[in-house]
Amino acid sequence: MLFIEYDVTPNGEIELVALINAVEEEGQDPDGSTWMSWRSREFEDDGMGCVAVPPDDLALLEATENAAGLRAIVERIILEDRAGKEAVPS
């Protein structure tokens, strides 16, 4: 499972921190939920700065051969994640 770790500056700028391939030996965590749970406990942002890359987007990333296309996909994934996490429940 691929995760994108990011920060959002006080000015609202997104900074890519890392791409993490969270693979558990022997296939123990195929969806990355154990890794994400650990990450949420260990980091002060409670998971706000990390998103799992959905399988369709991962395939799209792997098929994209130019930097601008990769950047656009990563930005979309992060913006969608952040919007969902910052949404006020009604």
PDB file of N, CA and C in Angstrom:
ATOM      1  N   MET A   1       0.854  -1.166   0.000  1.00  0.00           N
ATOM      2  CA  MET A   1       0.000   0.000   0.000  1.00  0.00           C
ATOM      3  C   MET A   1       0.898   1.226   0.000  1.00  0.00           C
ATOM      4  N   LEU A   2       0.626   2.159  -0.885  1.00  0.00           N
ATOM      5  CA  LEU A   2       1.389   3.398  -0.977  1.00  0.00           C
ATOM      6  C   LEU A   2       0.666   4.491  -0.203  1.00  0.00           C
ATOM      7  N   PHE A   3       1.431   5.223   0.594  1.00  0.00           N
ATOM      8  CA  PHE A   3       0.906   6.364   1.340  1.00  0.00           C
ATOM      9  C   PHE A   3       1.668   7.617   0.937  1.00  0.00           C
ATOM     10  N   ILE A   4       0.974   8.735   0.956  1.00  0.00           N
ATOM     11  CA  ILE A   4       1.590  10.037   0.732  1.00  0.00           C
ATOM     12  C   ILE A   4       1.559  10.765   2.062  1.00  0.00           C
ATOM     13  N   GLU A   5       2.724  11.192   2.504  1.00  0.00           N
ATOM     14  CA  GLU A   5       2.814  11.966   3.734  1.00  0.00           C
ATOM     15  C   GLU A   5       3.091  13.413   3.336  1.00  0.00           C
ATOM     16  N   TYR A   6       2.353  14.336   3.938  1.00  0.00           N
ATOM     17  CA  TYR A   6       2.466  15.734   3.536  1.00  0.00           C
ATOM     18  C   TYR A   6       2.235  16.664   4.710  1.00  0.00           C
ATOM     19  N   ASP A   7       2.675  17.900   4.544  1.00  0.00           N
ATOM     20  CA  ASP A   7       2.411  18.969   5.504  1.00  0.00           C
ATOM     21  C   ASP A   7       1.669  20.075   4.781  1.00  0.00           C
ATOM     22  N   VAL A   8       0.877  20.816   5.523  1.00  0.00           N
ATOM     23  CA  VAL A   8       0.238  22.020   4.995  1.00  0.00           C
ATOM     24  C   VAL A   8       0.766  23.180   5.824  1.00  0.00           C
ATOM     25  N   THR A   9       1.386  24.139   5.165  1.00  0.00           N
ATOM     26  CA  THR A   9       1.972  25.275   5.871  1.00  0.00           C
ATOM     27  C   THR A   9       0.858  26.209   6.354  1.00  0.00           C
ATOM     28  N   PRO A  10       1.178  27.126   7.271  1.00  0.00           N
ATOM     29  CA  PRO A  10       0.181  28.107   7.715  1.00  0.00           C
ATOM     30  C   PRO A  10      -0.389  28.943   6.559  1.00  0.00           C
ATOM     31  N   ASN A  11       0.369  29.055   5.463  1.00  0.00           N
ATOM     32  CA  ASN A  11      -0.110  29.794   4.288  1.00  0.00           C
ATOM     33  C   ASN A  11      -0.967  28.929   3.372  1.00  0.00           C
ATOM     34  N   GLY A  12      -1.169  27.676   3.745  1.00  0.00           N
ATOM     35  CA  GLY A  12      -1.998  26.783   2.941  1.00  0.00           C
ATOM     36  C   GLY A  12      -1.243  26.059   1.839  1.00  0.00           C
ATOM     37  N   GLU A  13       0.073  26.195   1.806  1.00  0.00           N
ATOM     38  CA  GLU A  13       0.865  25.495   0.797  1.00  0.00           C
ATOM     39  C   GLU A  13       1.093  24.052   1.233  1.00  0.00           C
ATOM     40  N   ILE A  14       1.039  23.152   0.278  1.00  0.00           N
ATOM     41  CA  ILE A  14       1.238  21.733   0.543  1.00  0.00           C
ATOM     42  C   ILE A  14       2.690  21.386   0.274  1.00  0.00           C
ATOM     43  N   GLU A  15       3.295  20.692   1.222  1.00  0.00           N
ATOM     44  CA  GLU A  15       4.667  20.228   1.049  1.00  0.00           C
ATOM     45  C   GLU A  15       4.668  18.707   1.124  1.00  0.00           C
ATOM     46  N   LEU A  16       5.145  18.072   0.074  1.00  0.00           N
ATOM     47  CA  LEU A  16       5.262  16.623   0.062  1.00  0.00           C
ATOM     48  C   LEU A  16       6.403  16.231   0.982  1.00  0.00           C
ATOM     49  N   VAL A  17       6.142  15.337   1.929  1.00  0.00           N
ATOM     50  CA  VAL A  17       7.154  14.896   2.878  1.00  0.00           C
ATOM     51  C   VAL A  17       7.761  13.572   2.429  1.00  0.00           C
ATOM     52  N   ALA A  18       6.908  12.623   2.069  1.00  0.00           N
ATOM     53  CA  ALA A  18       7.423  11.299   1.695  1.00  0.00           C
ATOM     54  C   ALA A  18       6.363  10.491   0.972  1.00  0.00           C
ATOM     55  N   LEU A  19       6.837   9.563   0.181  1.00  0.00           N
ATOM     56  CA  LEU A  19       6.001   8.498  -0.366  1.00  0.00           C
ATOM     57  C   LEU A  19       6.433   7.243   0.375  1.00  0.00           C
ATOM     58  N   ILE A  20       5.493   6.558   0.977  1.00  0.00           N
ATOM     59  CA  ILE A  20       5.814   5.414   1.825  1.00  0.00           C
ATOM     60  C   ILE A  20       5.135   4.176   1.275  1.00  0.00           C
ATOM     61  N   ASN A  21       5.921   3.177   0.993  1.00  0.00           N
ATOM     62  CA  ASN A  21       5.395   1.890   0.569  1.00  0.00           C
ATOM     63  C   ASN A  21       5.303   1.026   1.824  1.00  0.00           C
ATOM     64  N   ALA A  22       4.142   1.009   2.430  1.00  0.00           N
ATOM     65  CA  ALA A  22       3.942   0.304   3.702  1.00  0.00           C
ATOM     66  C   ALA A  22       3.582  -1.150   3.411  1.00  0.00           C
ATOM     67  N   VAL A  23       4.602  -1.962   3.293  1.00  0.00           N
ATOM     68  CA  VAL A  23       4.402  -3.379   3.004  1.00  0.00           C
ATOM     69  C   VAL A  23       4.839  -4.185   4.219  1.00  0.00           C
ATOM     70  N   GLU A  24       3.938  -4.922   4.750  1.00  0.00           N
ATOM     71  CA  GLU A  24       4.232  -5.803   5.886  1.00  0.00           C
ATOM     72  C   GLU A  24       4.763  -7.128   5.342  1.00  0.00           C
ATOM     73  N   GLU A  25       5.784  -7.631   5.975  1.00  0.00           N
ATOM     74  CA  GLU A  25       6.304  -8.925   5.545  1.00  0.00           C
ATOM     75  C   GLU A  25       5.205  -9.978   5.627  1.00  0.00           C
ATOM     76  N   GLU A  26       5.225 -10.888   4.696  1.00  0.00           N
ATOM     77  CA  GLU A  26       4.296 -12.009   4.631  1.00  0.00           C
ATOM     78  C   GLU A  26       2.852 -11.564   4.419  1.00  0.00           C
ATOM     79  N   GLY A  27       2.644 -10.355   3.877  1.00  0.00           N
ATOM     80  CA  GLY A  27       1.301  -9.911   3.520  1.00  0.00           C
ATOM     81  C   GLY A  27       0.356  -9.712   4.683  1.00  0.00           C
ATOM     82  N   GLN A  28       0.867  -9.388   5.860  1.00  0.00           N
ATOM     83  CA  GLN A  28       0.037  -9.251   7.050  1.00  0.00           C
ATOM     84  C   GLN A  28      -0.835  -7.997   7.053  1.00  0.00           C
ATOM     85  N   ASP A  29      -0.486  -6.985   6.253  1.00  0.00           N
ATOM     86  CA  ASP A  29      -1.216  -5.715   6.273  1.00  0.00           C
ATOM     87  C   ASP A  29      -1.469  -5.225   4.841  1.00  0.00           C
ATOM     88  N   PRO A  30      -2.250  -5.975   4.062  1.00  0.00           N
ATOM     89  CA  PRO A  30      -2.391  -5.648   2.639  1.00  0.00           C
ATOM     90  C   PRO A  30      -3.014  -4.283   2.355  1.00  0.00           C
ATOM     91  N   ASP A  31      -3.863  -3.778   3.239  1.00  0.00           N
ATOM     92  CA  ASP A  31      -4.490  -2.479   2.982  1.00  0.00           C
ATOM     93  C   ASP A  31      -3.807  -1.339   3.729  1.00  0.00           C
ATOM     94  N   GLY A  32      -2.740  -1.645   4.467  1.00  0.00           N
ATOM     95  CA  GLY A  32      -1.986  -0.620   5.175  1.00  0.00           C
ATOM     96  C   GLY A  32      -2.648  -0.086   6.428  1.00  0.00           C
ATOM     97  N   SER A  33      -3.739  -0.685   6.866  1.00  0.00           N
ATOM     98  CA  SER A  33      -4.471  -0.153   8.022  1.00  0.00           C
ATOM     99  C   SER A  33      -3.652  -0.238   9.313  1.00  0.00           C
ATOM    100  N   THR A  34      -2.859  -1.290   9.458  1.00  0.00           N
ATOM    101  CA  THR A  34      -2.022  -1.411  10.658  1.00  0.00           C
ATOM    102  C   THR A  34      -0.962  -0.324  10.667  1.00  0.00           C
ATOM    103  N   TRP A  35      -0.341  -0.088   9.510  1.00  0.00           N
ATOM    104  CA  TRP A  35       0.679   0.961   9.427  1.00  0.00           C
ATOM    105  C   TRP A  35       0.050   2.325   9.699  1.00  0.00           C
ATOM    106  N   MET A  36      -1.104   2.604   9.103  1.00  0.00           N
ATOM    107  CA  MET A  36      -1.758   3.902   9.288  1.00  0.00           C
ATOM    108  C   MET A  36      -2.158   4.092  10.748  1.00  0.00           C
ATOM    109  N   SER A  37      -2.598   3.046  11.398  1.00  0.00           N
ATOM    110  CA  SER A  37      -2.950   3.129  12.813  1.00  0.00           C
ATOM    111  C   SER A  37      -1.724   3.494  13.641  1.00  0.00           C
ATOM    112  N   TRP A  38      -0.603   2.831  13.348  1.00  0.00           N
ATOM    113  CA  TRP A  38       0.649   3.157  14.039  1.00  0.00           C
ATOM    114  C   TRP A  38       1.034   4.607  13.788  1.00  0.00           C
ATOM    115  N   ARG A  39       0.969   5.032  12.524  1.00  0.00           N
ATOM    116  CA  ARG A  39       1.369   6.378  12.162  1.00  0.00           C
ATOM    117  C   ARG A  39       0.502   7.413  12.865  1.00  0.00           C
ATOM    118  N   SER A  40      -0.789   7.158  12.949  1.00  0.00           N
ATOM    119  CA  SER A  40      -1.709   8.093  13.605  1.00  0.00           C
ATOM    120  C   SER A  40      -1.413   8.234  15.094  1.00  0.00           C
ATOM    121  N   ARG A  41      -0.976   7.144  15.726  1.00  0.00           N
ATOM    122  CA  ARG A  41      -0.628   7.201  17.153  1.00  0.00           C
ATOM    123  C   ARG A  41       0.704   7.889  17.391  1.00  0.00           C
ATOM    124  N   GLU A  42       1.652   7.723  16.493  1.00  0.00           N
ATOM    125  CA  GLU A  42       3.020   8.193  16.704  1.00  0.00           C
ATOM    126  C   GLU A  42       3.264   9.642  16.288  1.00  0.00           C
ATOM    127  N   PHE A  43       2.419  10.196  15.441  1.00  0.00           N
ATOM    128  CA  PHE A  43       2.624  11.554  14.947  1.00  0.00           C
ATOM    129  C   PHE A  43       1.562  12.480  15.514  1.00  0.00           C
ATOM    130  N   GLU A  44       1.928  13.710  15.742  1.00  0.00           N
ATOM    131  CA  GLU A  44       1.050  14.679  16.394  1.00  0.00           C
ATOM    132  C   GLU A  44      -0.153  15.102  15.563  1.00  0.00           C
ATOM    133  N   ASP A  45      -0.142  14.832  14.273  1.00  0.00           N
ATOM    134  CA  ASP A  45      -1.229  15.318  13.421  1.00  0.00           C
ATOM    135  C   ASP A  45      -2.431  14.380  13.363  1.00  0.00           C
ATOM    136  N   ASP A  46      -2.417  13.292  14.111  1.00  0.00           N
ATOM    137  CA  ASP A  46      -3.527  12.326  14.150  1.00  0.00           C
ATOM    138  C   ASP A  46      -3.934  11.829  12.763  1.00  0.00           C
ATOM    139  N   GLY A  47      -2.968  11.710  11.866  1.00  0.00           N
ATOM    140  CA  GLY A  47      -3.255  11.199  10.531  1.00  0.00           C
ATOM    141  C   GLY A  47      -3.674  12.250   9.527  1.00  0.00           C
ATOM    142  N   MET A  48      -3.745  13.515   9.936  1.00  0.00           N
ATOM    143  CA  MET A  48      -4.171  14.572   9.013  1.00  0.00           C
ATOM    144  C   MET A  48      -3.206  14.740   7.846  1.00  0.00           C
ATOM    145  N   GLY A  49      -1.929  14.435   8.038  1.00  0.00           N
ATOM    146  CA  GLY A  49      -0.934  14.653   6.995  1.00  0.00           C
ATOM    147  C   GLY A  49      -0.529  13.400   6.258  1.00  0.00           C
ATOM    148  N   CYS A  50      -1.450  12.449   6.133  1.00  0.00           N
ATOM    149  CA  CYS A  50      -1.112  11.204   5.463  1.00  0.00           C
ATOM    150  C   CYS A  50      -2.354  10.633   4.788  1.00  0.00           C
ATOM    151  N   VAL A  51      -2.165  10.127   3.589  1.00  0.00           N
ATOM    152  CA  VAL A  51      -3.285   9.548   2.852  1.00  0.00           C
ATOM    153  C   VAL A  51      -2.827   8.296   2.120  1.00  0.00           C
ATOM    154  N   ALA A  52      -3.672   7.282   2.150  1.00  0.00           N
ATOM    155  CA  ALA A  52      -3.423   6.073   1.365  1.00  0.00           C
ATOM    156  C   ALA A  52      -3.803   6.354  -0.082  1.00  0.00           C
ATOM    157  N   VAL A  53      -2.988   5.869  -0.991  1.00  0.00           N
ATOM    158  CA  VAL A  53      -3.270   6.050  -2.416  1.00  0.00           C
ATOM    159  C   VAL A  53      -4.196   4.923  -2.861  1.00  0.00           C
ATOM    160  N   PRO A  54      -5.398   5.268  -3.323  1.00  0.00           N
ATOM    161  CA  PRO A  54      -6.328   4.227  -3.782  1.00  0.00           C
ATOM    162  C   PRO A  54      -5.738   3.442  -4.960  1.00  0.00           C
ATOM    163  N   PRO A  55      -6.120   2.172  -5.100  1.00  0.00           N
ATOM    164  CA  PRO A  55      -5.559   1.327  -6.168  1.00  0.00           C
ATOM    165  C   PRO A  55      -5.663   1.934  -7.570  1.00  0.00           C
ATOM    166  N   ASP A  56      -6.798   2.559  -7.900  1.00  0.00           N
ATOM    167  CA  ASP A  56      -6.942   3.162  -9.233  1.00  0.00           C
ATOM    168  C   ASP A  56      -5.945   4.292  -9.434  1.00  0.00           C
ATOM    169  N   ASP A  57      -5.732   5.103  -8.394  1.00  0.00           N
ATOM    170  CA  ASP A  57      -4.769   6.195  -8.498  1.00  0.00           C
ATOM    171  C   ASP A  57      -3.340   5.669  -8.549  1.00  0.00           C
ATOM    172  N   LEU A  58      -3.069   4.581  -7.839  1.00  0.00           N
ATOM    173  CA  LEU A  58      -1.739   3.979  -7.893  1.00  0.00           C
ATOM    174  C   LEU A  58      -1.439   3.503  -9.311  1.00  0.00           C
ATOM    175  N   ALA A  59      -2.402   2.865  -9.943  1.00  0.00           N
ATOM    176  CA  ALA A  59      -2.220   2.417 -11.329  1.00  0.00           C
ATOM    177  C   ALA A  59      -1.982   3.608 -12.250  1.00  0.00           C
ATOM    178  N   LEU A  60      -2.712   4.698 -12.010  1.00  0.00           N
ATOM    179  CA  LEU A  60      -2.538   5.910 -12.811  1.00  0.00           C
ATOM    180  C   LEU A  60      -1.144   6.500 -12.601  1.00  0.00           C
ATOM    181  N   LEU A  61      -0.684   6.540 -11.355  1.00  0.00           N
ATOM    182  CA  LEU A  61       0.670   7.030 -11.074  1.00  0.00           C
ATOM    183  C   LEU A  61       1.722   6.187 -11.785  1.00  0.00           C
ATOM    184  N   GLU A  62       1.554   4.882 -11.727  1.00  0.00           N
ATOM    185  CA  GLU A  62       2.520   3.978 -12.345  1.00  0.00           C
ATOM    186  C   GLU A  62       2.537   4.110 -13.865  1.00  0.00           C
ATOM    187  N   ALA A  63       1.426   4.491 -14.468  1.00  0.00           N
ATOM    188  CA  ALA A  63       1.340   4.622 -15.920  1.00  0.00           C
ATOM    189  C   ALA A  63       1.773   6.001 -16.415  1.00  0.00           C
ATOM    190  N   THR A  64       1.908   6.959 -15.513  1.00  0.00           N
ATOM    191  CA  THR A  64       2.254   8.329 -15.902  1.00  0.00           C
ATOM    192  C   THR A  64       3.764   8.456 -16.012  1.00  0.00           C
ATOM    193  N   GLU A  65       4.200   9.033 -17.131  1.00  0.00           N
ATOM    194  CA  GLU A  65       5.635   9.085 -17.396  1.00  0.00           C
ATOM    195  C   GLU A  65       6.249  10.471 -17.287  1.00  0.00           C
ATOM    196  N   ASN A  66       5.458  11.484 -16.958  1.00  0.00           N
ATOM    197  CA  ASN A  66       6.051  12.822 -16.878  1.00  0.00           C
ATOM    198  C   ASN A  66       5.808  13.436 -15.514  1.00  0.00           C
ATOM    199  N   ALA A  67       6.726  14.303 -15.117  1.00  0.00           N
ATOM    200  CA  ALA A  67       6.684  14.896 -13.778  1.00  0.00           C
ATOM    201  C   ALA A  67       5.426  15.724 -13.548  1.00  0.00           C
ATOM    202  N   ALA A  68       4.997  16.469 -14.539  1.00  0.00           N
ATOM    203  CA  ALA A  68       3.805  17.306 -14.379  1.00  0.00           C
ATOM    204  C   ALA A  68       2.563  16.457 -14.145  1.00  0.00           C
ATOM    205  N   GLY A  69       2.459  15.357 -14.846  1.00  0.00           N
ATOM    206  CA  GLY A  69       1.322  14.459 -14.654  1.00  0.00           C
ATOM    207  C   GLY A  69       1.333  13.814 -13.277  1.00  0.00           C
ATOM    208  N   LEU A  70       2.510  13.385 -12.836  1.00  0.00           N
ATOM    209  CA  LEU A  70       2.631  12.811 -11.495  1.00  0.00           C
ATOM    210  C   LEU A  70       2.267  13.831 -10.429  1.00  0.00           C
ATOM    211  N   ARG A  71       2.772  15.039 -10.592  1.00  0.00           N
ATOM    212  CA  ARG A  71       2.485  16.114  -9.629  1.00  0.00           C
ATOM    213  C   ARG A  71       0.985  16.381  -9.549  1.00  0.00           C
ATOM    214  N   ALA A  72       0.322  16.412 -10.683  1.00  0.00           N
ATOM    215  CA  ALA A  72      -1.116  16.684 -10.701  1.00  0.00           C
ATOM    216  C   ALA A  72      -1.905  15.592  -9.980  1.00  0.00           C
ATOM    217  N   ILE A  73      -1.517  14.349 -10.173  1.00  0.00           N
ATOM    218  CA  ILE A  73      -2.214  13.240  -9.510  1.00  0.00           C
ATOM    219  C   ILE A  73      -1.999  13.309  -8.002  1.00  0.00           C
ATOM    220  N   VAL A  74      -0.754  13.513  -7.588  1.00  0.00           N
ATOM    221  CA  VAL A  74      -0.443  13.589  -6.155  1.00  0.00           C
ATOM    222  C   VAL A  74      -1.172  14.765  -5.518  1.00  0.00           C
ATOM    223  N   GLU A  75      -1.181  15.920  -6.177  1.00  0.00           N
ATOM    224  CA  GLU A  75      -1.884  17.086  -5.635  1.00  0.00           C
ATOM    225  C   GLU A  75      -3.375  16.814  -5.479  1.00  0.00           C
ATOM    226  N   ARG A  76      -3.975  16.171  -6.473  1.00  0.00           N
ATOM    227  CA  ARG A  76      -5.415  15.860  -6.400  1.00  0.00           C
ATOM    228  C   ARG A  76      -5.705  14.933  -5.227  1.00  0.00           C
ATOM    229  N   ILE A  77      -4.877  13.898  -5.056  1.00  0.00           N
ATOM    230  CA  ILE A  77      -5.079  12.951  -3.958  1.00  0.00           C
ATOM    231  C   ILE A  77      -4.999  13.675  -2.619  1.00  0.00           C
ATOM    232  N   ILE A  78      -3.988  14.529  -2.464  1.00  0.00           N
ATOM    233  CA  ILE A  78      -3.815  15.262  -1.204  1.00  0.00           C
ATOM    234  C   ILE A  78      -4.963  16.227  -0.971  1.00  0.00           C
ATOM    235  N   LEU A  79      -5.355  16.979  -1.991  1.00  0.00           N
ATOM    236  CA  LEU A  79      -6.444  17.955  -1.822  1.00  0.00           C
ATOM    237  C   LEU A  79      -7.764  17.268  -1.472  1.00  0.00           C
ATOM    238  N   GLU A  80      -8.047  16.141  -2.115  1.00  0.00           N
ATOM    239  CA  GLU A  80      -9.268  15.399  -1.795  1.00  0.00           C
ATOM    240  C   GLU A  80      -9.219  14.882  -0.364  1.00  0.00           C
ATOM    241  N   ASP A  81      -8.065  14.371   0.042  1.00  0.00           N
ATOM    242  CA  ASP A  81      -7.906  13.868   1.404  1.00  0.00           C
ATOM    243  C   ASP A  81      -8.115  14.986   2.411  1.00  0.00           C
ATOM    244  N   ARG A  82      -7.463  16.098   2.184  1.00  0.00           N
ATOM    245  CA  ARG A  82      -7.535  17.210   3.133  1.00  0.00           C
ATOM    246  C   ARG A  82      -8.957  17.763   3.208  1.00  0.00           C
ATOM    247  N   ALA A  83      -9.611  17.885   2.080  1.00  0.00           N
ATOM    248  CA  ALA A  83     -10.991  18.398   2.072  1.00  0.00           C
ATOM    249  C   ALA A  83     -11.902  17.485   2.886  1.00  0.00           C
ATOM    250  N   GLY A  84     -11.728  16.189   2.744  1.00  0.00           N
ATOM    251  CA  GLY A  84     -12.544  15.241   3.510  1.00  0.00           C
ATOM    252  C   GLY A  84     -12.268  15.296   4.994  1.00  0.00           C
ATOM    253  N   LYS A  85     -11.005  15.481   5.358  1.00  0.00           N
ATOM    254  CA  LYS A  85     -10.633  15.522   6.765  1.00  0.00           C
ATOM    255  C   LYS A  85     -11.019  16.834   7.432  1.00  0.00           C
ATOM    256  N   GLU A  86     -11.074  17.912   6.659  1.00  0.00           N
ATOM    257  CA  GLU A  86     -11.411  19.215   7.224  1.00  0.00           C
ATOM    258  C   GLU A  86     -12.897  19.530   7.135  1.00  0.00           C
ATOM    259  N   ALA A  87     -13.668  18.681   6.469  1.00  0.00           N
ATOM    260  CA  ALA A  87     -15.103  18.926   6.327  1.00  0.00           C
ATOM    261  C   ALA A  87     -15.773  18.897   7.682  1.00  0.00           C
ATOM    262  N   VAL A  88     -16.661  19.839   7.882  1.00  0.00           N
ATOM    263  CA  VAL A  88     -17.406  19.918   9.138  1.00  0.00           C
ATOM    264  C   VAL A  88     -18.631  19.009   9.006  1.00  0.00           C
ATOM    265  N   PRO A  89     -18.775  18.035   9.911  1.00  0.00           N
ATOM    266  CA  PRO A  89     -19.950  17.157   9.849  1.00  0.00           C
ATOM    267  C   PRO A  89     -21.239  17.966  10.055  1.00  0.00           C
ATOM    268  N   SER A  90     -22.248  17.599   9.288  1.00  0.00           N
ATOM    269  CA  SER A  90     -23.521  18.332   9.432  1.00  0.00           C
ATOM    270  C   SER A  90     -24.474  17.640  10.364  1.00  0.00           C
TER     271      SER A  90
END
